[in-house]
Amino acid sequence: MISRNFSNPDQPWLSGNRGVDLVVTEGTPVYASGDGVVTVARVIVDRPVVAIRHSPLLRTTYTHVTPKVSEGSKVRAGEVIGVAQGEMIEWGAKTGQKSYLNPLLLLLGRARLVPYDS
């Protein structure tokens, strides 16, 4: 369940919610949203974080997630990457170096305008 939705600020320095906050039960497995390489699997400041680079232009982040993967390891979509630490995780997505993306858009799949057999 979503407790706080994506809210990209108008300017990078303004407040907002650059990801989606998801309500979970502590210890819930967290899965990779896509294939990629783990670039972060450690505590940053005071929060455990996992980040996955899916392509040169797409990265997803999972905050409040105790890693079960190592930096540099390859992961597949649906693979367990960690467990929730607490009752909320933050799931984020970033394109390029500075552009945040609503991670829920990654769940849409391919658009299909005509039947496959047409």
PDB file of N, CA and C in Angstrom:
ATOM      1  N   MET A   1       0.840  -1.163   0.000  1.00  0.00           N
ATOM      2  CA  MET A   1       0.000   0.000   0.000  1.00  0.00           C
ATOM      3  C   MET A   1       0.897   1.242   0.000  1.00  0.00           C
ATOM      4  N   ILE A   2       0.483   2.249  -0.735  1.00  0.00           N
ATOM      5  CA  ILE A   2       1.240   3.495  -0.822  1.00  0.00           C
ATOM      6  C   ILE A   2       0.819   4.416   0.317  1.00  0.00           C
ATOM      7  N   SER A   3       1.812   4.889   1.090  1.00  0.00           N
ATOM      8  CA  SER A   3       1.497   5.842   2.152  1.00  0.00           C
ATOM      9  C   SER A   3       1.763   7.279   1.704  1.00  0.00           C
ATOM     10  N   ARG A   4       2.660   7.443   0.736  1.00  0.00           N
ATOM     11  CA  ARG A   4       2.953   8.773   0.200  1.00  0.00           C
ATOM     12  C   ARG A   4       3.410   8.607  -1.238  1.00  0.00           C
ATOM     13  N   ASN A   5       2.753   9.309  -2.137  1.00  0.00           N
ATOM     14  CA  ASN A   5       3.038   9.160  -3.552  1.00  0.00           C
ATOM     15  C   ASN A   5       4.186  10.064  -3.993  1.00  0.00           C
ATOM     16  N   PHE A   6       4.639   9.842  -5.195  1.00  0.00           N
ATOM     17  CA  PHE A   6       5.690  10.629  -5.829  1.00  0.00           C
ATOM     18  C   PHE A   6       5.233  12.080  -5.978  1.00  0.00           C
ATOM     19  N   SER A   7       6.104  13.010  -5.627  1.00  0.00           N
ATOM     20  CA  SER A   7       5.807  14.434  -5.761  1.00  0.00           C
ATOM     21  C   SER A   7       7.104  15.159  -6.086  1.00  0.00           C
ATOM     22  N   ASN A   8       7.424  15.222  -7.361  1.00  0.00           N
ATOM     23  CA  ASN A   8       8.674  15.834  -7.795  1.00  0.00           C
ATOM     24  C   ASN A   8       8.594  17.349  -7.605  1.00  0.00           C
ATOM     25  N   PRO A   9       9.558  17.951  -6.918  1.00  0.00           N
ATOM     26  CA  PRO A   9       9.520  19.411  -6.737  1.00  0.00           C
ATOM     27  C   PRO A   9       9.816  20.136  -8.045  1.00  0.00           C
ATOM     28  N   ASP A  10       9.385  21.394  -8.117  1.00  0.00           N
ATOM     29  CA  ASP A  10       9.637  22.213  -9.306  1.00  0.00           C
ATOM     30  C   ASP A  10      11.120  22.510  -9.496  1.00  0.00           C
ATOM     31  N   GLN A  11      11.846  22.591  -8.394  1.00  0.00           N
ATOM     32  CA  GLN A  11      13.285  22.839  -8.438  1.00  0.00           C
ATOM     33  C   GLN A  11      13.979  21.767  -7.590  1.00  0.00           C
ATOM     34  N   PRO A  12      15.193  21.351  -7.961  1.00  0.00           N
ATOM     35  CA  PRO A  12      15.875  20.271  -7.248  1.00  0.00           C
ATOM     36  C   PRO A  12      16.073  20.515  -5.748  1.00  0.00           C
ATOM     37  N   TRP A  13      16.175  21.767  -5.339  1.00  0.00           N
ATOM     38  CA  TRP A  13      16.448  22.068  -3.934  1.00  0.00           C
ATOM     39  C   TRP A  13      15.168  22.197  -3.091  1.00  0.00           C
ATOM     40  N   LEU A  14      13.998  22.165  -3.708  1.00  0.00           N
ATOM     41  CA  LEU A  14      12.744  22.286  -2.966  1.00  0.00           C
ATOM     42  C   LEU A  14      12.324  20.944  -2.370  1.00  0.00           C
ATOM     43  N   SER A  15      11.474  20.996  -1.348  1.00  0.00           N
ATOM     44  CA  SER A  15      11.012  19.765  -0.732  1.00  0.00           C
ATOM     45  C   SER A  15      10.019  19.069  -1.653  1.00  0.00           C
ATOM     46  N   GLY A  16       9.933  17.784  -1.482  1.00  0.00           N
ATOM     47  CA  GLY A  16       9.035  16.948  -2.263  1.00  0.00           C
ATOM     48  C   GLY A  16       9.259  15.508  -1.869  1.00  0.00           C
ATOM     49  N   ASN A  17       8.620  14.590  -2.539  1.00  0.00           N
ATOM     50  CA  ASN A  17       8.839  13.167  -2.295  1.00  0.00           C
ATOM     51  C   ASN A  17       9.305  12.566  -3.604  1.00  0.00           C
ATOM     52  N   ARG A  18      10.603  12.308  -3.698  1.00  0.00           N
ATOM     53  CA  ARG A  18      11.222  11.894  -4.948  1.00  0.00           C
ATOM     54  C   ARG A  18      11.108  10.403  -5.204  1.00  0.00           C
ATOM     55  N   GLY A  19      10.217   9.761  -4.486  1.00  0.00           N
ATOM     56  CA  GLY A  19       9.956   8.343  -4.665  1.00  0.00           C
ATOM     57  C   GLY A  19       8.550   8.043  -4.198  1.00  0.00           C
ATOM     58  N   VAL A  20       8.299   6.787  -3.922  1.00  0.00           N
ATOM     59  CA  VAL A  20       7.011   6.341  -3.410  1.00  0.00           C
ATOM     60  C   VAL A  20       7.271   5.647  -2.074  1.00  0.00           C
ATOM     61  N   ASP A  21       6.526   6.027  -1.048  1.00  0.00           N
ATOM     62  CA  ASP A  21       6.646   5.381   0.260  1.00  0.00           C
ATOM     63  C   ASP A  21       5.630   4.254   0.329  1.00  0.00           C
ATOM     64  N   LEU A  22       6.114   3.062   0.625  1.00  0.00           N
ATOM     65  CA  LEU A  22       5.270   1.871   0.662  1.00  0.00           C
ATOM     66  C   LEU A  22       5.184   1.321   2.074  1.00  0.00           C
ATOM     67  N   VAL A  23       3.976   1.034   2.534  1.00  0.00           N
ATOM     68  CA  VAL A  23       3.761   0.435   3.853  1.00  0.00           C
ATOM     69  C   VAL A  23       4.043  -1.058   3.746  1.00  0.00           C
ATOM     70  N   VAL A  24       4.867  -1.555   4.650  1.00  0.00           N
ATOM     71  CA  VAL A  24       5.242  -2.974   4.668  1.00  0.00           C
ATOM     72  C   VAL A  24       5.297  -3.454   6.113  1.00  0.00           C
ATOM     73  N   THR A  25       5.515  -4.726   6.286  1.00  0.00           N
ATOM     74  CA  THR A  25       5.786  -5.296   7.600  1.00  0.00           C
ATOM     75  C   THR A  25       7.292  -5.465   7.731  1.00  0.00           C
ATOM     76  N   GLU A  26       7.848  -5.096   8.872  1.00  0.00           N
ATOM     77  CA  GLU A  26       9.290  -5.253   9.070  1.00  0.00           C
ATOM     78  C   GLU A  26       9.705  -6.680   8.736  1.00  0.00           C
ATOM     79  N   GLY A  27      10.801  -6.809   8.001  1.00  0.00           N
ATOM     80  CA  GLY A  27      11.307  -8.113   7.600  1.00  0.00           C
ATOM     81  C   GLY A  27      10.748  -8.624   6.285  1.00  0.00           C
ATOM     82  N   THR A  28       9.829  -7.866   5.667  1.00  0.00           N
ATOM     83  CA  THR A  28       9.264  -8.260   4.379  1.00  0.00           C
ATOM     84  C   THR A  28      10.362  -8.276   3.317  1.00  0.00           C
ATOM     85  N   PRO A  29      10.417  -9.332   2.501  1.00  0.00           N
ATOM     86  CA  PRO A  29      11.399  -9.340   1.415  1.00  0.00           C
ATOM     87  C   PRO A  29      11.110  -8.216   0.424  1.00  0.00           C
ATOM     88  N   VAL A  30      12.174  -7.625  -0.112  1.00  0.00           N
ATOM     89  CA  VAL A  30      12.068  -6.574  -1.125  1.00  0.00           C
ATOM     90  C   VAL A  30      12.741  -7.117  -2.383  1.00  0.00           C
ATOM     91  N   TYR A  31      12.067  -6.917  -3.527  1.00  0.00           N
ATOM     92  CA  TYR A  31      12.492  -7.511  -4.781  1.00  0.00           C
ATOM     93  C   TYR A  31      12.974  -6.441  -5.763  1.00  0.00           C
ATOM     94  N   ALA A  32      13.924  -6.813  -6.609  1.00  0.00           N
ATOM     95  CA  ALA A  32      14.409  -5.916  -7.660  1.00  0.00           C
ATOM     96  C   ALA A  32      13.291  -5.666  -8.656  1.00  0.00           C
ATOM     97  N   SER A  33      13.121  -4.423  -9.048  1.00  0.00           N
ATOM     98  CA  SER A  33      12.072  -4.087 -10.004  1.00  0.00           C
ATOM     99  C   SER A  33      12.484  -4.386 -11.445  1.00  0.00           C
ATOM    100  N   GLY A  34      13.744  -4.680 -11.657  1.00  0.00           N
ATOM    101  CA  GLY A  34      14.228  -5.012 -12.995  1.00  0.00           C
ATOM    102  C   GLY A  34      15.636  -5.569 -12.925  1.00  0.00           C
ATOM    103  N   ASP A  35      16.104  -6.115 -14.020  1.00  0.00           N
ATOM    104  CA  ASP A  35      17.472  -6.620 -14.106  1.00  0.00           C
ATOM    105  C   ASP A  35      18.446  -5.457 -13.960  1.00  0.00           C
ATOM    106  N   GLY A  36      19.611  -5.732 -13.361  1.00  0.00           N
ATOM    107  CA  GLY A  36      20.610  -4.679 -13.261  1.00  0.00           C
ATOM    108  C   GLY A  36      21.797  -5.074 -12.423  1.00  0.00           C
ATOM    109  N   VAL A  37      22.595  -4.080 -12.070  1.00  0.00           N
ATOM    110  CA  VAL A  37      23.792  -4.257 -11.249  1.00  0.00           C
ATOM    111  C   VAL A  37      23.634  -3.414  -9.987  1.00  0.00           C
ATOM    112  N   VAL A  38      23.913  -4.022  -8.846  1.00  0.00           N
ATOM    113  CA  VAL A  38      23.810  -3.324  -7.562  1.00  0.00           C
ATOM    114  C   VAL A  38      24.968  -2.335  -7.454  1.00  0.00           C
ATOM    115  N   THR A  39      24.637  -1.058  -7.272  1.00  0.00           N
ATOM    116  CA  THR A  39      25.675  -0.033  -7.135  1.00  0.00           C
ATOM    117  C   THR A  39      25.833   0.425  -5.693  1.00  0.00           C
ATOM    118  N   VAL A  40      24.813   0.239  -4.868  1.00  0.00           N
ATOM    119  CA  VAL A  40      24.864   0.587  -3.445  1.00  0.00           C
ATOM    120  C   VAL A  40      24.176  -0.516  -2.666  1.00  0.00           C
ATOM    121  N   ALA A  41      24.814  -0.964  -1.598  1.00  0.00           N
ATOM    122  CA  ALA A  41      24.227  -1.957  -0.692  1.00  0.00           C
ATOM    123  C   ALA A  41      24.858  -1.742   0.677  1.00  0.00           C
ATOM    124  N   ARG A  42      24.463  -0.632   1.324  1.00  0.00           N
ATOM    125  CA  ARG A  42      25.079  -0.274   2.602  1.00  0.00           C
ATOM    126  C   ARG A  42      24.228   0.785   3.301  1.00  0.00           C
ATOM    127  N   VAL A  43      24.660   1.141   4.502  1.00  0.00           N
ATOM    128  CA  VAL A  43      24.010   2.217   5.244  1.00  0.00           C
ATOM    129  C   VAL A  43      24.576   3.544   4.753  1.00  0.00           C
ATOM    130  N   ILE A  44      23.676   4.461   4.427  1.00  0.00           N
ATOM    131  CA  ILE A  44      24.060   5.824   4.054  1.00  0.00           C
ATOM    132  C   ILE A  44      23.424   6.741   5.086  1.00  0.00           C
ATOM    133  N   VAL A  45      24.248   7.518   5.746  1.00  0.00           N
ATOM    134  CA  VAL A  45      23.888   8.339   6.902  1.00  0.00           C
ATOM    135  C   VAL A  45      23.377   7.385   7.980  1.00  0.00           C
ATOM    136  N   ASP A  46      22.072   7.223   8.125  1.00  0.00           N
ATOM    137  CA  ASP A  46      21.564   6.295   9.142  1.00  0.00           C
ATOM    138  C   ASP A  46      20.526   5.340   8.563  1.00  0.00           C
ATOM    139  N   ARG A  47      20.514   5.193   7.215  1.00  0.00           N
ATOM    140  CA  ARG A  47      19.492   4.374   6.562  1.00  0.00           C
ATOM    141  C   ARG A  47      20.128   3.320   5.661  1.00  0.00           C
ATOM    142  N   PRO A  48      19.668   2.076   5.764  1.00  0.00           N
ATOM    143  CA  PRO A  48      20.157   1.070   4.820  1.00  0.00           C
ATOM    144  C   PRO A  48      19.535   1.303   3.440  1.00  0.00           C
ATOM    145  N   VAL A  49      20.380   1.242   2.407  1.00  0.00           N
ATOM    146  CA  VAL A  49      19.967   1.561   1.041  1.00  0.00           C
ATOM    147  C   VAL A  49      20.495   0.505   0.082  1.00  0.00           C
ATOM    148  N   VAL A  50      19.655   0.170  -0.900  1.00  0.00           N
ATOM    149  CA  VAL A  50      20.085  -0.623  -2.052  1.00  0.00           C
ATOM    150  C   VAL A  50      19.766   0.200  -3.285  1.00  0.00           C
ATOM    151  N   ALA A  51      20.718   0.300  -4.216  1.00  0.00           N
ATOM    152  CA  ALA A  51      20.491   0.980  -5.493  1.00  0.00           C
ATOM    153  C   ALA A  51      20.912   0.032  -6.607  1.00  0.00           C
ATOM    154  N   ILE A  52      20.128   0.044  -7.674  1.00  0.00           N
ATOM    155  CA  ILE A  52      20.390  -0.831  -8.817  1.00  0.00           C
ATOM    156  C   ILE A  52      20.442   0.010 -10.086  1.00  0.00           C
ATOM    157  N   ARG A  53      21.509  -0.179 -10.861  1.00  0.00           N
ATOM    158  CA  ARG A  53      21.612   0.471 -12.179  1.00  0.00           C
ATOM    159  C   ARG A  53      21.053  -0.518 -13.196  1.00  0.00           C
ATOM    160  N   HIS A  54      19.962  -0.126 -13.853  1.00  0.00           N
ATOM    161  CA  HIS A  54      19.304  -0.989 -14.829  1.00  0.00           C
ATOM    162  C   HIS A  54      19.815  -0.739 -16.238  1.00  0.00           C
ATOM    163  N   SER A  55      20.274   0.469 -16.489  1.00  0.00           N
ATOM    164  CA  SER A  55      20.845   0.857 -17.780  1.00  0.00           C
ATOM    165  C   SER A  55      21.667   2.114 -17.511  1.00  0.00           C
ATOM    166  N   PRO A  56      22.398   2.602 -18.510  1.00  0.00           N
ATOM    167  CA  PRO A  56      23.150   3.839 -18.270  1.00  0.00           C
ATOM    168  C   PRO A  56      22.269   5.013 -17.846  1.00  0.00           C
ATOM    169  N   LEU A  57      20.972   4.960 -18.167  1.00  0.00           N
ATOM    170  CA  LEU A  57      20.098   6.093 -17.860  1.00  0.00           C
ATOM    171  C   LEU A  57      19.056   5.813 -16.786  1.00  0.00           C
ATOM    172  N   LEU A  58      18.984   4.606 -16.233  1.00  0.00           N
ATOM    173  CA  LEU A  58      17.949   4.306 -15.242  1.00  0.00           C
ATOM    174  C   LEU A  58      18.539   3.621 -14.014  1.00  0.00           C
ATOM    175  N   ARG A  59      18.172   4.190 -12.854  1.00  0.00           N
ATOM    176  CA  ARG A  59      18.612   3.631 -11.569  1.00  0.00           C
ATOM    177  C   ARG A  59      17.408   3.630 -10.631  1.00  0.00           C
ATOM    178  N   THR A  60      17.253   2.554  -9.849  1.00  0.00           N
ATOM    179  CA  THR A  60      16.221   2.527  -8.811  1.00  0.00           C
ATOM    180  C   THR A  60      16.894   2.436  -7.449  1.00  0.00           C
ATOM    181  N   THR A  61      16.216   3.006  -6.453  1.00  0.00           N
ATOM    182  CA  THR A  61      16.732   2.991  -5.087  1.00  0.00           C
ATOM    183  C   THR A  61      15.671   2.434  -4.151  1.00  0.00           C
ATOM    184  N   TYR A  62      16.126   1.786  -3.103  1.00  0.00           N
ATOM    185  CA  TYR A  62      15.275   1.166  -2.102  1.00  0.00           C
ATOM    186  C   TYR A  62      15.854   1.550  -0.737  1.00  0.00           C
ATOM    187  N   THR A  63      15.177   2.437  -0.036  1.00  0.00           N
ATOM    188  CA  THR A  63      15.667   2.946   1.245  1.00  0.00           C
ATOM    189  C   THR A  63      14.891   2.302   2.379  1.00  0.00           C
ATOM    190  N   HIS A  64      15.557   2.111   3.512  1.00  0.00           N
ATOM    191  CA  HIS A  64      15.036   1.382   4.666  1.00  0.00           C
ATOM    192  C   HIS A  64      14.959  -0.106   4.329  1.00  0.00           C
ATOM    193  N   VAL A  65      15.926  -0.558   3.507  1.00  0.00           N
ATOM    194  CA  VAL A  65      16.009  -1.954   3.085  1.00  0.00           C
ATOM    195  C   VAL A  65      17.387  -2.487   3.460  1.00  0.00           C
ATOM    196  N   THR A  66      17.416  -3.475   4.342  1.00  0.00           N
ATOM    197  CA  THR A  66      18.669  -4.112   4.725  1.00  0.00           C
ATOM    198  C   THR A  66      19.113  -5.018   3.578  1.00  0.00           C
ATOM    199  N   PRO A  67      20.283  -4.753   2.986  1.00  0.00           N
ATOM    200  CA  PRO A  67      20.703  -5.493   1.796  1.00  0.00           C
ATOM    201  C   PRO A  67      20.932  -6.978   2.049  1.00  0.00           C
ATOM    202  N   LYS A  68      20.567  -7.769   1.051  1.00  0.00           N
ATOM    203  CA  LYS A  68      20.896  -9.196   0.988  1.00  0.00           C
ATOM    204  C   LYS A  68      21.733  -9.459  -0.258  1.00  0.00           C
ATOM    205  N   VAL A  69      22.191  -8.370  -0.879  1.00  0.00           N
ATOM    206  CA  VAL A  69      23.029  -8.427  -2.080  1.00  0.00           C
ATOM    207  C   VAL A  69      24.284  -7.609  -1.820  1.00  0.00           C
ATOM    208  N   SER A  70      25.255  -7.759  -2.679  1.00  0.00           N
ATOM    209  CA  SER A  70      26.522  -7.029  -2.550  1.00  0.00           C
ATOM    210  C   SER A  70      26.690  -6.061  -3.703  1.00  0.00           C
ATOM    211  N   GLU A  71      27.405  -4.963  -3.444  1.00  0.00           N
ATOM    212  CA  GLU A  71      27.711  -4.004  -4.498  1.00  0.00           C
ATOM    213  C   GLU A  71      28.477  -4.712  -5.603  1.00  0.00           C
ATOM    214  N   GLY A  72      28.074  -4.454  -6.842  1.00  0.00           N
ATOM    215  CA  GLY A  72      28.709  -5.078  -7.996  1.00  0.00           C
ATOM    216  C   GLY A  72      28.023  -6.349  -8.467  1.00  0.00           C
ATOM    217  N   SER A  73      27.115  -6.889  -7.658  1.00  0.00           N
ATOM    218  CA  SER A  73      26.444  -8.124  -8.064  1.00  0.00           C
ATOM    219  C   SER A  73      25.328  -7.842  -9.059  1.00  0.00           C
ATOM    220  N   LYS A  74      25.109  -8.782  -9.965  1.00  0.00           N
ATOM    221  CA  LYS A  74      24.022  -8.686 -10.935  1.00  0.00           C
ATOM    222  C   LYS A  74      22.762  -9.265 -10.297  1.00  0.00           C
ATOM    223  N   VAL A  75      21.636  -8.601 -10.557  1.00  0.00           N
ATOM    224  CA  VAL A  75      20.349  -9.086 -10.050  1.00  0.00           C
ATOM    225  C   VAL A  75      19.364  -9.179 -11.203  1.00  0.00           C
ATOM    226  N   ARG A  76      18.372 -10.034 -11.022  1.00  0.00           N
ATOM    227  CA  ARG A  76      17.307 -10.205 -12.000  1.00  0.00           C
ATOM    228  C   ARG A  76      16.015  -9.622 -11.445  1.00  0.00           C
ATOM    229  N   ALA A  77      15.127  -9.215 -12.314  1.00  0.00           N
ATOM    230  CA  ALA A  77      13.813  -8.728 -11.895  1.00  0.00           C
ATOM    231  C   ALA A  77      13.149  -9.786 -11.026  1.00  0.00           C
ATOM    232  N   GLY A  78      12.614  -9.361  -9.872  1.00  0.00           N
ATOM    233  CA  GLY A  78      11.933 -10.281  -8.965  1.00  0.00           C
ATOM    234  C   GLY A  78      12.837 -10.978  -7.967  1.00  0.00           C
ATOM    235  N   GLU A  79      14.136 -10.746  -8.048  1.00  0.00           N
ATOM    236  CA  GLU A  79      15.082 -11.353  -7.102  1.00  0.00           C
ATOM    237  C   GLU A  79      15.059 -10.580  -5.786  1.00  0.00           C
ATOM    238  N   VAL A  80      15.151 -11.298  -4.667  1.00  0.00           N
ATOM    239  CA  VAL A  80      15.200 -10.636  -3.359  1.00  0.00           C
ATOM    240  C   VAL A  80      16.515  -9.888  -3.248  1.00  0.00           C
ATOM    241  N   ILE A  81      16.412  -8.593  -2.921  1.00  0.00           N
ATOM    242  CA  ILE A  81      17.609  -7.766  -2.774  1.00  0.00           C
ATOM    243  C   ILE A  81      17.831  -7.342  -1.325  1.00  0.00           C
ATOM    244  N   GLY A  82      16.821  -7.560  -0.483  1.00  0.00           N
ATOM    245  CA  GLY A  82      16.940  -7.176   0.915  1.00  0.00           C
ATOM    246  C   GLY A  82      15.632  -7.389   1.641  1.00  0.00           C
ATOM    247  N   VAL A  83      15.615  -6.928   2.894  1.00  0.00           N
ATOM    248  CA  VAL A  83      14.398  -7.012   3.705  1.00  0.00           C
ATOM    249  C   VAL A  83      14.104  -5.639   4.298  1.00  0.00           C
ATOM    250  N   ALA A  84      12.819  -5.371   4.468  1.00  0.00           N
ATOM    251  CA  ALA A  84      12.389  -4.078   5.002  1.00  0.00           C
ATOM    252  C   ALA A  84      12.856  -3.919   6.435  1.00  0.00           C
ATOM    253  N   GLN A  85      13.437  -2.763   6.730  1.00  0.00           N
ATOM    254  CA  GLN A  85      13.812  -2.415   8.096  1.00  0.00           C
ATOM    255  C   GLN A  85      12.775  -1.400   8.573  1.00  0.00           C
ATOM    256  N   GLY A  86      11.810  -1.884   9.306  1.00  0.00           N
ATOM    257  CA  GLY A  86      10.733  -1.011   9.751  1.00  0.00           C
ATOM    258  C   GLY A  86       9.464  -1.275   8.968  1.00  0.00           C
ATOM    259  N   GLU A  87       8.535  -0.332   9.043  1.00  0.00           N
ATOM    260  CA  GLU A  87       7.213  -0.541   8.445  1.00  0.00           C
ATOM    261  C   GLU A  87       6.972   0.325   7.210  1.00  0.00           C
ATOM    262  N   MET A  88       8.058   0.828   6.597  1.00  0.00           N
ATOM    263  CA  MET A  88       7.935   1.635   5.401  1.00  0.00           C
ATOM    264  C   MET A  88       9.236   1.555   4.624  1.00  0.00           C
ATOM    265  N   ILE A  89       9.116   1.430   3.301  1.00  0.00           N
ATOM    266  CA  ILE A  89      10.298   1.545   2.443  1.00  0.00           C
ATOM    267  C   ILE A  89      10.041   2.657   1.441  1.00  0.00           C
ATOM    268  N   GLU A  90      11.116   3.274   0.975  1.00  0.00           N
ATOM    269  CA  GLU A  90      11.035   4.301  -0.054  1.00  0.00           C
ATOM    270  C   GLU A  90      11.613   3.708  -1.336  1.00  0.00           C
ATOM    271  N   TRP A  91      10.797   3.728  -2.382  1.00  0.00           N
ATOM    272  CA  TRP A  91      11.220   3.208  -3.679  1.00  0.00           C
ATOM    273  C   TRP A  91      11.337   4.384  -4.629  1.00  0.00           C
ATOM    274  N   GLY A  92      12.513   4.574  -5.188  1.00  0.00           N
ATOM    275  CA  GLY A  92      12.736   5.705  -6.072  1.00  0.00           C
ATOM    276  C   GLY A  92      13.311   5.281  -7.403  1.00  0.00           C
ATOM    277  N   ALA A  93      13.231   6.179  -8.377  1.00  0.00           N
ATOM    278  CA  ALA A  93      13.820   5.944  -9.695  1.00  0.00           C
ATOM    279  C   ALA A  93      14.416   7.254 -10.190  1.00  0.00           C
ATOM    280  N   LYS A  94      15.501   7.123 -10.911  1.00  0.00           N
ATOM    281  CA  LYS A  94      16.187   8.309 -11.410  1.00  0.00           C
ATOM    282  C   LYS A  94      16.666   8.030 -12.829  1.00  0.00           C
ATOM    283  N   THR A  95      16.475   9.014 -13.694  1.00  0.00           N
ATOM    284  CA  THR A  95      16.999   8.918 -15.047  1.00  0.00           C
ATOM    285  C   THR A  95      18.150   9.897 -15.168  1.00  0.00           C
ATOM    286  N   GLY A  96      19.213   9.479 -15.788  1.00  0.00           N
ATOM    287  CA  GLY A  96      20.383  10.332 -15.889  1.00  0.00           C
ATOM    288  C   GLY A  96      20.939  10.664 -14.517  1.00  0.00           C
ATOM    289  N   GLN A  97      21.488  11.841 -14.366  1.00  0.00           N
ATOM    290  CA  GLN A  97      22.107  12.236 -13.104  1.00  0.00           C
ATOM    291  C   GLN A  97      21.178  13.021 -12.195  1.00  0.00           C
ATOM    292  N   LYS A  98      20.207  13.738 -12.761  1.00  0.00           N
ATOM    293  CA  LYS A  98      19.446  14.667 -11.939  1.00  0.00           C
ATOM    294  C   LYS A  98      17.940  14.538 -12.036  1.00  0.00           C
ATOM    295  N   SER A  99      17.403  13.714 -12.909  1.00  0.00           N
ATOM    296  CA  SER A  99      15.959  13.676 -13.134  1.00  0.00           C
ATOM    297  C   SER A  99      15.307  12.515 -12.399  1.00  0.00           C
ATOM    298  N   TYR A 100      14.406  12.845 -11.485  1.00  0.00           N
ATOM    299  CA  TYR A 100      13.668  11.826 -10.765  1.00  0.00           C
ATOM    300  C   TYR A 100      12.449  11.421 -11.580  1.00  0.00           C
ATOM    301  N   LEU A 101      12.043  10.173 -11.428  1.00  0.00           N
ATOM    302  CA  LEU A 101      10.947   9.596 -12.169  1.00  0.00           C
ATOM    303  C   LEU A 101      10.031   8.879 -11.181  1.00  0.00           C
ATOM    304  N   ASN A 102       8.741   8.955 -11.400  1.00  0.00           N
ATOM    305  CA  ASN A 102       7.818   8.206 -10.560  1.00  0.00           C
ATOM    306  C   ASN A 102       8.071   6.722 -10.800  1.00  0.00           C
ATOM    307  N   PRO A 103       8.535   5.973  -9.802  1.00  0.00           N
ATOM    308  CA  PRO A 103       8.860   4.567 -10.025  1.00  0.00           C
ATOM    309  C   PRO A 103       7.644   3.721 -10.395  1.00  0.00           C
ATOM    310  N   LEU A 104       6.446   4.186 -10.074  1.00  0.00           N
ATOM    311  CA  LEU A 104       5.247   3.432 -10.447  1.00  0.00           C
ATOM    312  C   LEU A 104       5.112   3.310 -11.959  1.00  0.00           C
ATOM    313  N   LEU A 105       5.720   4.239 -12.718  1.00  0.00           N
ATOM    314  CA  LEU A 105       5.694   4.157 -14.173  1.00  0.00           C
ATOM    315  C   LEU A 105       6.431   2.925 -14.679  1.00  0.00           C
ATOM    316  N   LEU A 106       7.356   2.401 -13.872  1.00  0.00           N
ATOM    317  CA  LEU A 106       8.098   1.207 -14.266  1.00  0.00           C
ATOM    318  C   LEU A 106       7.223  -0.040 -14.250  1.00  0.00           C
ATOM    319  N   LEU A 107       6.075   0.040 -13.612  1.00  0.00           N
ATOM    320  CA  LEU A 107       5.176  -1.107 -13.506  1.00  0.00           C
ATOM    321  C   LEU A 107       4.200  -1.206 -14.668  1.00  0.00           C
ATOM    322  N   LEU A 108       4.177  -0.210 -15.530  1.00  0.00           N
ATOM    323  CA  LEU A 108       3.182  -0.168 -16.600  1.00  0.00           C
ATOM    324  C   LEU A 108       3.364  -1.233 -17.667  1.00  0.00           C
ATOM    325  N   GLY A 109       4.573  -1.641 -17.932  1.00  0.00           N
ATOM    326  CA  GLY A 109       4.792  -2.609 -18.995  1.00  0.00           C
ATOM    327  C   GLY A 109       4.704  -1.951 -20.359  1.00  0.00           C
ATOM    328  N   ARG A 110       4.625  -2.764 -21.386  1.00  0.00           N
ATOM    329  CA  ARG A 110       4.585  -2.260 -22.756  1.00  0.00           C
ATOM    330  C   ARG A 110       3.177  -1.849 -23.142  1.00  0.00           C
ATOM    331  N   ALA A 111       3.092  -0.743 -23.832  1.00  0.00           N
ATOM    332  CA  ALA A 111       1.809  -0.311 -24.380  1.00  0.00           C
ATOM    333  C   ALA A 111       1.536  -1.115 -25.646  1.00  0.00           C
ATOM    334  N   ARG A 112       0.287  -1.514 -25.819  1.00  0.00           N
ATOM    335  CA  ARG A 112      -0.105  -2.285 -27.003  1.00  0.00           C
ATOM    336  C   ARG A 112      -1.350  -1.649 -27.574  1.00  0.00           C
ATOM    337  N   LEU A 113      -1.252  -1.145 -28.806  1.00  0.00           N
ATOM    338  CA  LEU A 113      -2.363  -0.423 -29.409  1.00  0.00           C
ATOM    339  C   LEU A 113      -3.214  -1.299 -30.313  1.00  0.00           C
ATOM    340  N   VAL A 114      -2.683  -2.432 -30.751  1.00  0.00           N
ATOM    341  CA  VAL A 114      -3.446  -3.370 -31.580  1.00  0.00           C
ATOM    342  C   VAL A 114      -3.189  -4.782 -31.062  1.00  0.00           C
ATOM    343  N   PRO A 115      -4.086  -5.738 -31.368  1.00  0.00           N
ATOM    344  CA  PRO A 115      -3.850  -7.119 -30.929  1.00  0.00           C
ATOM    345  C   PRO A 115      -2.552  -7.660 -31.521  1.00  0.00           C
ATOM    346  N   TYR A 116      -1.903  -8.573 -30.782  1.00  0.00           N
ATOM    347  CA  TYR A 116      -0.649  -9.143 -31.242  1.00  0.00           C
ATOM    348  C   TYR A 116      -0.794  -9.859 -32.581  1.00  0.00           C
ATOM    349  N   ASP A 117      -1.957 -10.446 -32.852  1.00  0.00           N
ATOM    350  CA  ASP A 117      -2.128 -11.230 -34.080  1.00  0.00           C
ATOM    351  C   ASP A 117      -2.550 -10.379 -35.281  1.00  0.00           C
ATOM    352  N   SER A 118      -2.537  -9.049 -35.148  1.00  0.00           N
ATOM    353  CA  SER A 118      -2.931  -8.178 -36.267  1.00  0.00           C
ATOM    354  C   SER A 118      -1.777  -7.981 -37.227  1.00  0.00           C
TER     355      SER A 118
END
